[in-house]
Structure formats: C-alpha cells, structure tokens
Amino acid sequence: MDLEKNKENAIAFYRMAYEGNPEKAIELYVGDDYIQHNPDVADGTQGFIDYFERMRREYPQKSIDFVRCIAEGDLVALHTHQTWPGNDQYVTMDFFRFDPNGKIVEHWDSIQQIPEKSANPNTMY
C-alpha cells in the first residue's frame, strides 16, 4: 500500500464529492464495490452520488477544511471541519478502506456539532 498516495486520494475524493462532483469522485477514486456504513446514505456508489448531489442542491454554501489525515495499512482517516448554512459547524471523522489497487471500497464516519460553549478551553481539533 502506498500510504501517502492513499491519503492524497482520500482527500481528493472527499473534496471533489463535497464540492459538487460526486460522480467524478466515484469514477476516479472508487473500486468496483463500495460499502457504505453511514445510515443516512444508501449502500453502493449510486447511494453516495445521490446523497452528495442532494447536499449540493440543499446546502450549496457548505464548506470543508481538512485538519488531519492519517493512514495505516489499508485505512485512511480524515479529521475535518465543516461549516454549513447558519454557521452550523461540525467535526467529522471519516474512515476509508482501500483495495490493493489504491481504490476506496468502504466508508465509515462520525459527526459531532461543535457546541457554542465548552467545559474546557481546548478546541475540538
């Protein structure tokens, strides 16, 4: 596994889909099978495309910043900061599994809204 290449591809894949071109992201970065673990997204590549096309229509002003990217074995983890309309902000963690050809074949994620107040002075990043 080329860990650096997988990290670059995970970021490029997610950025491309998030910014409005999920079909191209699937074409360039996803393997023959795509297993989805987010319960709000249908399994397979078409479910991914449908979800991100709907997000583009409903939330065109959303943005994403990539804070961290970690790779180990066939997995890449992304730690991101998302800002949605109304200044709703979220911390997300996405995990991608790559096949031996360097293509994404599985996805898990977790999302948490950034609260207005915190019990400590530390950021969520």
N, C-alpha and C. Protein backbone atom coordinates (compact mmCIF):
# COMPACT_ATOMS: atom_id res chain seq x y z
N MET A 1 0.83 -1.19 0.00
CA MET A 1 0.00 0.00 0.00
C MET A 1 0.88 1.25 0.00
N ASP A 2 0.52 2.21 -0.82
CA ASP A 2 1.19 3.50 -0.85
C ASP A 2 0.39 4.44 0.05
N LEU A 3 0.80 4.54 1.31
CA LEU A 3 0.03 5.30 2.30
C LEU A 3 -0.12 6.78 1.92
N GLU A 4 0.93 7.39 1.42
CA GLU A 4 0.85 8.80 1.04
C GLU A 4 -0.11 9.01 -0.12
N LYS A 5 -0.07 8.13 -1.09
CA LYS A 5 -0.99 8.23 -2.23
C LYS A 5 -2.43 8.01 -1.78
N ASN A 6 -2.64 7.03 -0.89
CA ASN A 6 -3.99 6.80 -0.38
C ASN A 6 -4.51 8.02 0.39
N LYS A 7 -3.64 8.68 1.15
CA LYS A 7 -4.05 9.89 1.86
C LYS A 7 -4.45 10.99 0.87
N GLU A 8 -3.62 11.20 -0.14
CA GLU A 8 -3.94 12.20 -1.17
C GLU A 8 -5.26 11.87 -1.86
N ASN A 9 -5.47 10.60 -2.17
CA ASN A 9 -6.68 10.20 -2.88
C ASN A 9 -7.92 10.32 -2.00
N ALA A 10 -7.81 10.01 -0.72
CA ALA A 10 -8.96 10.15 0.19
C ALA A 10 -9.38 11.62 0.27
N ILE A 11 -8.42 12.51 0.40
CA ILE A 11 -8.74 13.94 0.46
C ILE A 11 -9.33 14.42 -0.86
N ALA A 12 -8.72 14.05 -1.96
CA ALA A 12 -9.23 14.47 -3.27
C ALA A 12 -10.64 13.94 -3.52
N PHE A 13 -10.87 12.68 -3.16
CA PHE A 13 -12.18 12.05 -3.32
C PHE A 13 -13.24 12.82 -2.53
N TYR A 14 -12.96 13.04 -1.26
CA TYR A 14 -13.97 13.68 -0.40
C TYR A 14 -14.18 15.13 -0.80
N ARG A 15 -13.10 15.83 -1.12
CA ARG A 15 -13.23 17.23 -1.54
C ARG A 15 -14.07 17.33 -2.83
N MET A 16 -13.79 16.48 -3.80
CA MET A 16 -14.50 16.51 -5.07
C MET A 16 -15.99 16.24 -4.86
N ALA A 17 -16.32 15.25 -4.05
CA ALA A 17 -17.73 14.93 -3.79
C ALA A 17 -18.39 16.07 -3.03
N TYR A 18 -17.74 16.56 -2.00
CA TYR A 18 -18.28 17.60 -1.13
C TYR A 18 -18.52 18.89 -1.90
N GLU A 19 -17.63 19.19 -2.83
CA GLU A 19 -17.74 20.44 -3.59
C GLU A 19 -18.63 20.32 -4.82
N GLY A 20 -19.28 19.17 -5.01
CA GLY A 20 -20.32 19.10 -6.02
C GLY A 20 -20.13 18.17 -7.19
N ASN A 21 -19.11 17.31 -7.17
CA ASN A 21 -18.94 16.40 -8.30
C ASN A 21 -18.74 14.96 -7.81
N PRO A 22 -19.77 14.40 -7.14
CA PRO A 22 -19.61 13.05 -6.61
C PRO A 22 -19.46 11.97 -7.68
N GLU A 23 -20.07 12.16 -8.82
CA GLU A 23 -19.96 11.16 -9.88
C GLU A 23 -18.51 11.04 -10.36
N LYS A 24 -17.84 12.16 -10.56
CA LYS A 24 -16.44 12.16 -10.97
C LYS A 24 -15.55 11.57 -9.87
N ALA A 25 -15.89 11.87 -8.61
CA ALA A 25 -15.13 11.32 -7.48
C ALA A 25 -15.20 9.80 -7.48
N ILE A 26 -16.38 9.26 -7.71
CA ILE A 26 -16.56 7.81 -7.79
C ILE A 26 -15.74 7.25 -8.95
N GLU A 27 -15.83 7.89 -10.10
CA GLU A 27 -15.12 7.43 -11.30
C GLU A 27 -13.61 7.36 -11.08
N LEU A 28 -13.06 8.37 -10.42
CA LEU A 28 -11.61 8.45 -10.26
C LEU A 28 -11.04 7.65 -9.09
N TYR A 29 -11.81 7.54 -7.99
CA TYR A 29 -11.21 7.07 -6.75
C TYR A 29 -11.82 5.81 -6.12
N VAL A 30 -12.91 5.29 -6.67
CA VAL A 30 -13.60 4.18 -6.02
C VAL A 30 -13.44 2.90 -6.83
N GLY A 31 -13.31 1.78 -6.10
CA GLY A 31 -13.16 0.47 -6.71
C GLY A 31 -14.49 -0.08 -7.21
N ASP A 32 -14.47 -1.34 -7.57
CA ASP A 32 -15.66 -1.99 -8.14
C ASP A 32 -16.82 -2.06 -7.16
N ASP A 33 -16.53 -2.26 -5.89
CA ASP A 33 -17.57 -2.32 -4.86
C ASP A 33 -17.36 -1.18 -3.88
N TYR A 34 -18.44 -0.66 -3.33
CA TYR A 34 -18.34 0.43 -2.36
C TYR A 34 -19.34 0.16 -1.24
N ILE A 35 -18.82 -0.12 -0.05
CA ILE A 35 -19.64 -0.43 1.11
C ILE A 35 -19.77 0.84 1.96
N GLN A 36 -21.00 1.20 2.25
CA GLN A 36 -21.29 2.43 3.00
C GLN A 36 -21.83 2.07 4.38
N HIS A 37 -21.28 2.69 5.43
CA HIS A 37 -21.73 2.43 6.80
C HIS A 37 -22.51 3.60 7.40
N ASN A 38 -22.56 4.74 6.74
CA ASN A 38 -23.36 5.86 7.22
C ASN A 38 -24.83 5.51 7.02
N PRO A 39 -25.64 5.48 8.08
CA PRO A 39 -27.04 5.07 7.93
C PRO A 39 -27.90 6.03 7.12
N ASP A 40 -27.41 7.23 6.85
CA ASP A 40 -28.16 8.21 6.05
C ASP A 40 -27.86 8.12 4.56
N VAL A 41 -26.94 7.23 4.17
CA VAL A 41 -26.51 7.11 2.78
C VAL A 41 -26.73 5.67 2.33
N ALA A 42 -27.38 5.51 1.19
CA ALA A 42 -27.61 4.16 0.66
C ALA A 42 -26.29 3.50 0.30
N ASP A 43 -26.26 2.19 0.39
CA ASP A 43 -25.06 1.42 0.06
C ASP A 43 -24.75 1.53 -1.43
N GLY A 44 -23.48 1.40 -1.78
CA GLY A 44 -23.07 1.41 -3.18
C GLY A 44 -22.77 2.80 -3.71
N THR A 45 -22.23 2.84 -4.91
CA THR A 45 -21.80 4.11 -5.50
C THR A 45 -22.97 5.04 -5.81
N GLN A 46 -24.10 4.51 -6.27
CA GLN A 46 -25.21 5.39 -6.61
C GLN A 46 -25.78 6.07 -5.36
N GLY A 47 -25.80 5.35 -4.25
CA GLY A 47 -26.25 5.95 -2.99
C GLY A 47 -25.37 7.13 -2.60
N PHE A 48 -24.06 6.98 -2.78
CA PHE A 48 -23.11 8.05 -2.49
C PHE A 48 -23.36 9.24 -3.40
N ILE A 49 -23.50 8.99 -4.69
CA ILE A 49 -23.75 10.06 -5.66
C ILE A 49 -25.05 10.79 -5.31
N ASP A 50 -26.12 10.06 -5.07
CA ASP A 50 -27.41 10.66 -4.75
C ASP A 50 -27.32 11.54 -3.51
N TYR A 51 -26.65 11.06 -2.48
CA TYR A 51 -26.52 11.83 -1.23
C TYR A 51 -25.79 13.15 -1.48
N PHE A 52 -24.65 13.09 -2.14
CA PHE A 52 -23.87 14.32 -2.31
C PHE A 52 -24.50 15.26 -3.33
N GLU A 53 -25.23 14.76 -4.29
CA GLU A 53 -25.97 15.65 -5.20
C GLU A 53 -27.08 16.38 -4.44
N ARG A 54 -27.75 15.67 -3.54
CA ARG A 54 -28.79 16.31 -2.72
C ARG A 54 -28.17 17.35 -1.80
N MET A 55 -27.04 17.05 -1.20
CA MET A 55 -26.36 18.02 -0.33
C MET A 55 -25.97 19.28 -1.12
N ARG A 56 -25.51 19.09 -2.36
CA ARG A 56 -25.12 20.23 -3.19
C ARG A 56 -26.33 21.13 -3.47
N ARG A 57 -27.48 20.51 -3.78
CA ARG A 57 -28.69 21.29 -4.06
C ARG A 57 -29.21 22.00 -2.81
N GLU A 58 -29.24 21.29 -1.69
CA GLU A 58 -29.85 21.83 -0.48
C GLU A 58 -28.92 22.75 0.31
N TYR A 59 -27.62 22.54 0.21
CA TYR A 59 -26.65 23.31 1.01
C TYR A 59 -25.47 23.75 0.15
N PRO A 60 -25.71 24.58 -0.85
CA PRO A 60 -24.61 24.94 -1.77
C PRO A 60 -23.48 25.75 -1.12
N GLN A 61 -23.74 26.37 0.01
CA GLN A 61 -22.72 27.22 0.64
C GLN A 61 -21.89 26.49 1.70
N LYS A 62 -22.05 25.20 1.86
CA LYS A 62 -21.28 24.47 2.86
C LYS A 62 -19.79 24.46 2.47
N SER A 63 -18.95 24.31 3.47
CA SER A 63 -17.51 24.25 3.19
C SER A 63 -16.86 23.20 4.08
N ILE A 64 -15.67 22.78 3.68
CA ILE A 64 -14.93 21.76 4.43
C ILE A 64 -13.45 22.13 4.46
N ASP A 65 -12.85 21.91 5.63
CA ASP A 65 -11.41 22.05 5.79
C ASP A 65 -10.87 20.73 6.32
N PHE A 66 -9.76 20.28 5.76
CA PHE A 66 -9.14 19.03 6.18
C PHE A 66 -8.09 19.36 7.23
N VAL A 67 -8.30 18.88 8.44
CA VAL A 67 -7.44 19.20 9.57
C VAL A 67 -6.32 18.17 9.71
N ARG A 68 -6.68 16.88 9.61
CA ARG A 68 -5.71 15.80 9.75
C ARG A 68 -6.03 14.69 8.77
N CYS A 69 -5.00 13.97 8.40
CA CYS A 69 -5.16 12.78 7.57
C CYS A 69 -4.14 11.76 8.06
N ILE A 70 -4.62 10.59 8.44
CA ILE A 70 -3.77 9.55 9.00
C ILE A 70 -4.00 8.27 8.21
N ALA A 71 -2.93 7.56 7.89
CA ALA A 71 -3.06 6.30 7.14
C ALA A 71 -2.30 5.19 7.85
N GLU A 72 -2.90 4.01 7.81
CA GLU A 72 -2.28 2.82 8.36
C GLU A 72 -2.84 1.61 7.63
N GLY A 73 -1.98 0.77 7.12
CA GLY A 73 -2.45 -0.42 6.40
C GLY A 73 -3.30 -0.01 5.20
N ASP A 74 -4.52 -0.54 5.15
CA ASP A 74 -5.41 -0.19 4.03
C ASP A 74 -6.45 0.86 4.41
N LEU A 75 -6.23 1.57 5.55
CA LEU A 75 -7.19 2.57 6.04
C LEU A 75 -6.62 3.97 6.01
N VAL A 76 -7.49 4.93 5.70
CA VAL A 76 -7.17 6.36 5.80
C VAL A 76 -8.25 7.01 6.65
N ALA A 77 -7.83 7.84 7.60
CA ALA A 77 -8.77 8.59 8.45
C ALA A 77 -8.62 10.08 8.15
N LEU A 78 -9.76 10.74 7.95
CA LEU A 78 -9.78 12.18 7.76
C LEU A 78 -10.48 12.84 8.94
N HIS A 79 -9.89 13.90 9.46
CA HIS A 79 -10.47 14.69 10.54
C HIS A 79 -10.77 16.05 9.91
N THR A 80 -12.04 16.41 9.82
CA THR A 80 -12.41 17.61 9.08
C THR A 80 -13.24 18.58 9.91
N HIS A 81 -13.30 19.80 9.43
CA HIS A 81 -14.14 20.85 9.99
C HIS A 81 -15.10 21.29 8.88
N GLN A 82 -16.39 21.12 9.12
CA GLN A 82 -17.39 21.50 8.13
C GLN A 82 -18.20 22.68 8.67
N THR A 83 -18.47 23.63 7.78
CA THR A 83 -19.33 24.76 8.11
C THR A 83 -20.51 24.73 7.15
N TRP A 84 -21.71 24.76 7.72
CA TRP A 84 -22.95 24.69 6.96
C TRP A 84 -23.71 26.00 7.09
N PRO A 85 -24.75 26.20 6.29
CA PRO A 85 -25.53 27.44 6.37
C PRO A 85 -25.98 27.72 7.80
N GLY A 86 -26.04 28.99 8.15
CA GLY A 86 -26.40 29.38 9.50
C GLY A 86 -25.23 29.24 10.46
N ASN A 87 -24.04 29.05 9.91
CA ASN A 87 -22.81 28.89 10.67
C ASN A 87 -22.83 27.66 11.58
N ASP A 88 -23.63 26.64 11.23
CA ASP A 88 -23.56 25.37 11.93
C ASP A 88 -22.21 24.75 11.59
N GLN A 89 -21.47 24.38 12.63
CA GLN A 89 -20.14 23.83 12.42
C GLN A 89 -20.05 22.43 13.02
N TYR A 90 -19.33 21.56 12.31
CA TYR A 90 -19.23 20.17 12.70
C TYR A 90 -17.80 19.67 12.61
N VAL A 91 -17.47 18.77 13.52
CA VAL A 91 -16.24 17.99 13.44
C VAL A 91 -16.66 16.66 12.85
N THR A 92 -15.95 16.21 11.82
CA THR A 92 -16.24 14.90 11.27
C THR A 92 -14.97 14.07 11.22
N MET A 93 -15.17 12.78 11.31
CA MET A 93 -14.09 11.83 11.15
C MET A 93 -14.59 10.78 10.17
N ASP A 94 -13.88 10.66 9.07
CA ASP A 94 -14.23 9.71 8.03
C ASP A 94 -13.11 8.70 7.90
N PHE A 95 -13.49 7.45 7.72
CA PHE A 95 -12.53 6.36 7.57
C PHE A 95 -12.81 5.67 6.25
N PHE A 96 -11.77 5.48 5.46
CA PHE A 96 -11.88 4.84 4.15
C PHE A 96 -10.97 3.62 4.11
N ARG A 97 -11.50 2.53 3.57
CA ARG A 97 -10.68 1.35 3.33
C ARG A 97 -10.36 1.28 1.84
N PHE A 98 -9.10 1.03 1.54
CA PHE A 98 -8.62 0.96 0.16
C PHE A 98 -8.37 -0.49 -0.24
N ASP A 99 -8.60 -0.80 -1.51
CA ASP A 99 -8.27 -2.13 -2.03
C ASP A 99 -6.79 -2.14 -2.45
N PRO A 100 -6.25 -3.29 -2.84
CA PRO A 100 -4.84 -3.36 -3.23
C PRO A 100 -4.48 -2.49 -4.44
N ASN A 101 -5.48 -2.05 -5.21
CA ASN A 101 -5.23 -1.18 -6.37
C ASN A 101 -5.28 0.30 -6.00
N GLY A 102 -5.41 0.62 -4.72
CA GLY A 102 -5.45 2.01 -4.29
C GLY A 102 -6.80 2.68 -4.51
N LYS A 103 -7.86 1.89 -4.57
CA LYS A 103 -9.21 2.43 -4.76
C LYS A 103 -10.01 2.30 -3.46
N ILE A 104 -10.86 3.26 -3.18
CA ILE A 104 -11.70 3.26 -1.99
C ILE A 104 -12.82 2.24 -2.18
N VAL A 105 -13.01 1.40 -1.17
CA VAL A 105 -14.05 0.37 -1.27
C VAL A 105 -14.98 0.32 -0.05
N GLU A 106 -14.68 1.12 0.99
CA GLU A 106 -15.54 1.09 2.17
C GLU A 106 -15.39 2.41 2.93
N HIS A 107 -16.48 2.83 3.60
CA HIS A 107 -16.50 4.12 4.30
C HIS A 107 -17.30 4.04 5.60
N TRP A 108 -16.72 4.63 6.65
CA TRP A 108 -17.39 4.84 7.94
C TRP A 108 -17.21 6.31 8.29
N ASP A 109 -18.14 6.87 9.08
CA ASP A 109 -17.93 8.24 9.55
C ASP A 109 -18.61 8.49 10.88
N SER A 110 -18.21 9.58 11.50
CA SER A 110 -18.80 10.05 12.74
C SER A 110 -18.81 11.56 12.66
N ILE A 111 -19.90 12.17 13.14
CA ILE A 111 -20.04 13.62 13.05
C ILE A 111 -20.54 14.16 14.39
N GLN A 112 -20.01 15.32 14.78
CA GLN A 112 -20.42 15.96 16.02
C GLN A 112 -20.50 17.46 15.79
N GLN A 113 -21.62 18.05 16.19
CA GLN A 113 -21.75 19.50 16.06
C GLN A 113 -20.85 20.17 17.09
N ILE A 114 -20.20 21.24 16.69
CA ILE A 114 -19.34 22.00 17.60
C ILE A 114 -20.24 22.86 18.47
N PRO A 115 -20.20 22.68 19.79
CA PRO A 115 -21.08 23.45 20.67
C PRO A 115 -20.62 24.89 20.82
N GLU A 116 -21.55 25.75 21.21
CA GLU A 116 -21.20 27.15 21.45
C GLU A 116 -20.33 27.30 22.69
N LYS A 117 -20.52 26.44 23.69
CA LYS A 117 -19.76 26.50 24.94
C LYS A 117 -19.09 25.16 25.17
N SER A 118 -17.93 25.22 25.82
CA SER A 118 -17.19 24.03 26.15
C SER A 118 -16.80 24.06 27.63
N ALA A 119 -16.73 22.90 28.26
CA ALA A 119 -16.31 22.81 29.65
C ALA A 119 -14.80 22.96 29.81
N ASN A 120 -14.07 23.05 28.68
CA ASN A 120 -12.62 23.22 28.73
C ASN A 120 -12.21 24.24 27.66
N PRO A 121 -10.98 24.75 27.74
CA PRO A 121 -10.53 25.76 26.78
C PRO A 121 -9.97 25.19 25.48
N ASN A 122 -10.02 23.89 25.28
CA ASN A 122 -9.42 23.25 24.11
C ASN A 122 -10.37 23.22 22.94
N THR A 123 -9.84 23.36 21.74
CA THR A 123 -10.67 23.23 20.55
C THR A 123 -10.93 21.76 20.28
N MET A 124 -11.81 21.45 19.36
CA MET A 124 -12.08 20.06 19.01
C MET A 124 -11.09 19.56 17.97
N TYR A 125 -10.05 20.35 17.70
CA TYR A 125 -9.01 19.95 16.75
C TYR A 125 -7.68 19.92 17.42
